[in-house]
Amino acid sequence: MFNNDLCTCWLRPLQGRLTHLSIYTTKLLWGFWTYCDIRAVQFPYLKSLRLRDQTIVHEWQVEWMLVRPATLEQLLLDDCPIFTVMHLDEEQIAMHFPGLTLIYISEGRGIYTKELDL
């Protein structure tokens, strides 16, 4: 699957040599529905990071972008929505957000929350 291969076959082997990285996708909410965890990939010489059509839904995605080396000169986010509220079923919550807290049930659906440290 491309999501797994992106990290293992492309990004990790090149992470020590890349100075410019652009990841562009189509309009599929890539980053959530097409889940790709890039936390283990570091780019010590990265000067430019460009993302297009990436969906930002996890705290770690923001942290990963902000904790870049001092070499980073340019961060471009093109059409990258940052989701703060989502409607998910129980299976999606368990898969993507296991740390959410059930605060009450409304009309047969659980309402979950998570406090963020800002």
C-alpha atoms as a PDB file:
ATOM      1  CA  MET A   1       0.000   0.000   0.000  1.00  0.00           C
ATOM      2  CA  PHE A   2       1.342   3.444  -0.908  1.00  0.00           C
ATOM      3  CA  ASN A   3       0.800   4.889   2.574  1.00  0.00           C
ATOM      4  CA  ASN A   4       3.171   2.358   4.126  1.00  0.00           C
ATOM      5  CA  ASP A   5       5.589   2.384   1.199  1.00  0.00           C
ATOM      6  CA  LEU A   6       5.884   6.171   1.287  1.00  0.00           C
ATOM      7  CA  CYS A   7       7.630   6.039   4.663  1.00  0.00           C
ATOM      8  CA  THR A   8       9.477   2.739   4.467  1.00  0.00           C
ATOM      9  CA  CYS A   9      10.571   2.739   0.824  1.00  0.00           C
ATOM     10  CA  TRP A  10      10.924   6.437   0.032  1.00  0.00           C
ATOM     11  CA  LEU A  11      11.118   8.845   2.975  1.00  0.00           C
ATOM     12  CA  ARG A  12      13.119   6.904   5.591  1.00  0.00           C
ATOM     13  CA  PRO A  13      15.946   5.884   3.220  1.00  0.00           C
ATOM     14  CA  LEU A  14      16.242   9.477   1.961  1.00  0.00           C
ATOM     15  CA  GLN A  15      15.621  11.403   5.183  1.00  0.00           C
ATOM     16  CA  GLY A  16      19.301  12.202   5.739  1.00  0.00           C
ATOM     17  CA  ARG A  17      19.729  13.625   2.229  1.00  0.00           C
ATOM     18  CA  LEU A  18      16.526  15.502   1.398  1.00  0.00           C
ATOM     19  CA  THR A  19      16.635  19.288   1.372  1.00  0.00           C
ATOM     20  CA  HIS A  20      13.281  19.883  -0.363  1.00  0.00           C
ATOM     21  CA  LEU A  21      10.139  17.777   0.024  1.00  0.00           C
ATOM     22  CA  SER A  22       6.756  18.270  -1.638  1.00  0.00           C
ATOM     23  CA  ILE A  23       3.872  15.907  -0.949  1.00  0.00           C
ATOM     24  CA  TYR A  24       0.848  16.613  -3.105  1.00  0.00           C
ATOM     25  CA  THR A  25      -2.264  14.468  -3.147  1.00  0.00           C
ATOM     26  CA  THR A  26      -5.698  14.552  -4.654  1.00  0.00           C
ATOM     27  CA  LYS A  27      -8.774  15.690  -2.762  1.00  0.00           C
ATOM     28  CA  LEU A  28      -9.174  12.611  -0.569  1.00  0.00           C
ATOM     29  CA  LEU A  29      -8.596  13.965   2.918  1.00  0.00           C
ATOM     30  CA  TRP A  30      -5.178  12.294   2.844  1.00  0.00           C
ATOM     31  CA  GLY A  31      -3.749  12.194   6.320  1.00  0.00           C
ATOM     32  CA  PHE A  32      -6.931  10.871   7.899  1.00  0.00           C
ATOM     33  CA  TRP A  33      -8.967   8.588   5.641  1.00  0.00           C
ATOM     34  CA  THR A  34      -5.833   7.558   3.923  1.00  0.00           C
ATOM     35  CA  TYR A  35      -3.785   7.299   7.092  1.00  0.00           C
ATOM     36  CA  CYS A  36      -0.033   7.724   6.903  1.00  0.00           C
ATOM     37  CA  ASP A  37       2.009   8.066  10.084  1.00  0.00           C
ATOM     38  CA  ILE A  38       5.265   9.912   9.358  1.00  0.00           C
ATOM     39  CA  ARG A  39       6.312  10.630  12.940  1.00  0.00           C
ATOM     40  CA  ALA A  40       9.377   8.380  12.755  1.00  0.00           C
ATOM     41  CA  VAL A  41      10.728  10.221   9.722  1.00  0.00           C
ATOM     42  CA  GLN A  42      13.085  13.116  10.423  1.00  0.00           C
ATOM     43  CA  PHE A  43      14.738  15.402   7.895  1.00  0.00           C
ATOM     44  CA  PRO A  44      17.846  16.996   9.428  1.00  0.00           C
ATOM     45  CA  TYR A  45      18.739  18.965   6.266  1.00  0.00           C
ATOM     46  CA  LEU A  46      15.260  19.912   5.076  1.00  0.00           C
ATOM     47  CA  LYS A  47      15.014  23.502   3.817  1.00  0.00           C
ATOM     48  CA  SER A  48      11.566  23.422   2.208  1.00  0.00           C
ATOM     49  CA  LEU A  49       8.454  21.403   3.093  1.00  0.00           C
ATOM     50  CA  ARG A  50       5.399  21.787   0.854  1.00  0.00           C
ATOM     51  CA  LEU A  51       2.157  19.948   1.532  1.00  0.00           C
ATOM     52  CA  ARG A  52      -0.955  20.074  -0.643  1.00  0.00           C
ATOM     53  CA  ASP A  53      -4.334  18.507   0.133  1.00  0.00           C
ATOM     54  CA  GLN A  54      -3.181  17.030   3.435  1.00  0.00           C
ATOM     55  CA  THR A  55      -5.817  16.770   6.147  1.00  0.00           C
ATOM     56  CA  ILE A  56      -4.566  17.760   9.580  1.00  0.00           C
ATOM     57  CA  VAL A  57      -6.591  15.983  12.262  1.00  0.00           C
ATOM     58  CA  HIS A  58      -4.045  14.748  14.803  1.00  0.00           C
ATOM     59  CA  GLU A  59      -1.992  16.800  17.243  1.00  0.00           C
ATOM     60  CA  TRP A  60       1.107  14.873  16.230  1.00  0.00           C
ATOM     61  CA  GLN A  61       0.735  16.129  12.641  1.00  0.00           C
ATOM     62  CA  VAL A  62       1.031  19.740  13.805  1.00  0.00           C
ATOM     63  CA  GLU A  63       3.868  18.871  16.174  1.00  0.00           C
ATOM     64  CA  TRP A  64       5.700  17.004  13.395  1.00  0.00           C
ATOM     65  CA  MET A  65       5.562  20.091  11.169  1.00  0.00           C
ATOM     66  CA  LEU A  66       6.605  22.494  13.926  1.00  0.00           C
ATOM     67  CA  VAL A  67       9.476  20.421  15.292  1.00  0.00           C
ATOM     68  CA  ARG A  68      11.591  20.754  12.168  1.00  0.00           C
ATOM     69  CA  PRO A  69      15.311  21.404  12.217  1.00  0.00           C
ATOM     70  CA  ALA A  70      16.709  24.917  12.181  1.00  0.00           C
ATOM     71  CA  THR A  71      17.498  24.364   8.502  1.00  0.00           C
ATOM     72  CA  LEU A  72      13.802  24.674   7.540  1.00  0.00           C
ATOM     73  CA  GLU A  73      13.318  27.970   5.714  1.00  0.00           C
ATOM     74  CA  GLN A  74       9.948  27.375   4.093  1.00  0.00           C
ATOM     75  CA  LEU A  75       6.757  25.612   5.180  1.00  0.00           C
ATOM     76  CA  LEU A  76       3.912  25.812   2.668  1.00  0.00           C
ATOM     77  CA  LEU A  77       0.479  24.349   3.345  1.00  0.00           C
ATOM     78  CA  ASP A  78      -1.742  24.518   0.280  1.00  0.00           C
ATOM     79  CA  ASP A  79      -5.381  23.534   0.769  1.00  0.00           C
ATOM     80  CA  CYS A  80      -4.634  21.677   4.009  1.00  0.00           C
ATOM     81  CA  PRO A  81      -7.714  21.840   6.243  1.00  0.00           C
ATOM     82  CA  ILE A  82      -7.217  21.612   9.992  1.00  0.00           C
ATOM     83  CA  PHE A  83     -10.141  19.696  11.457  1.00  0.00           C
ATOM     84  CA  THR A  84     -11.305  20.649  14.917  1.00  0.00           C
ATOM     85  CA  VAL A  85     -14.674  18.838  14.846  1.00  0.00           C
ATOM     86  CA  MET A  86     -15.557  15.589  13.086  1.00  0.00           C
ATOM     87  CA  HIS A  87     -18.538  13.233  12.935  1.00  0.00           C
ATOM     88  CA  LEU A  88     -17.260   9.657  13.307  1.00  0.00           C
ATOM     89  CA  ASP A  89     -18.762   6.308  14.162  1.00  0.00           C
ATOM     90  CA  GLU A  90     -17.490   4.164  17.057  1.00  0.00           C
ATOM     91  CA  GLU A  91     -15.170   2.095  14.844  1.00  0.00           C
ATOM     92  CA  GLN A  92     -13.539   5.186  13.346  1.00  0.00           C
ATOM     93  CA  ILE A  93     -13.043   6.703  16.790  1.00  0.00           C
ATOM     94  CA  ALA A  94     -11.398   3.516  18.096  1.00  0.00           C
ATOM     95  CA  MET A  95      -9.099   3.334  15.042  1.00  0.00           C
ATOM     96  CA  HIS A  96      -8.043   6.965  14.717  1.00  0.00           C
ATOM     97  CA  PHE A  97      -8.617   8.534  18.144  1.00  0.00           C
ATOM     98  CA  PRO A  98      -8.365   5.932  20.922  1.00  0.00           C
ATOM     99  CA  GLY A  99      -7.550   8.630  23.506  1.00  0.00           C
ATOM    100  CA  LEU A 100     -10.879  10.460  23.258  1.00  0.00           C
ATOM    101  CA  THR A 101     -13.083  10.707  26.332  1.00  0.00           C
ATOM    102  CA  LEU A 102     -16.838   9.998  26.181  1.00  0.00           C
ATOM    103  CA  ILE A 103     -18.545  12.989  27.798  1.00  0.00           C
ATOM    104  CA  TYR A 104     -22.227  12.142  27.138  1.00  0.00           C
ATOM    105  CA  ILE A 105     -24.633  10.346  24.847  1.00  0.00           C
ATOM    106  CA  SER A 106     -27.034  12.328  22.676  1.00  0.00           C
ATOM    107  CA  GLU A 107     -29.648  10.698  20.453  1.00  0.00           C
ATOM    108  CA  GLY A 108     -27.940   7.342  20.801  1.00  0.00           C
ATOM    109  CA  ARG A 109     -24.539   8.672  19.770  1.00  0.00           C
ATOM    110  CA  GLY A 110     -21.525   9.196  21.957  1.00  0.00           C
ATOM    111  CA  ILE A 111     -20.091  12.685  22.181  1.00  0.00           C
ATOM    112  CA  TYR A 112     -16.325  12.614  22.719  1.00  0.00           C
ATOM    113  CA  THR A 113     -13.765  15.235  23.536  1.00  0.00           C
ATOM    114  CA  LYS A 114     -10.067  15.669  24.021  1.00  0.00           C
ATOM    115  CA  GLU A 115      -8.336  18.535  25.731  1.00  0.00           C
ATOM    116  CA  LEU A 116      -5.363  19.985  23.942  1.00  0.00           C
ATOM    117  CA  ASP A 117      -2.308  21.500  25.535  1.00  0.00           C
ATOM    118  CA  LEU A 118      -1.760  24.745  23.670  1.00  0.00           C
END
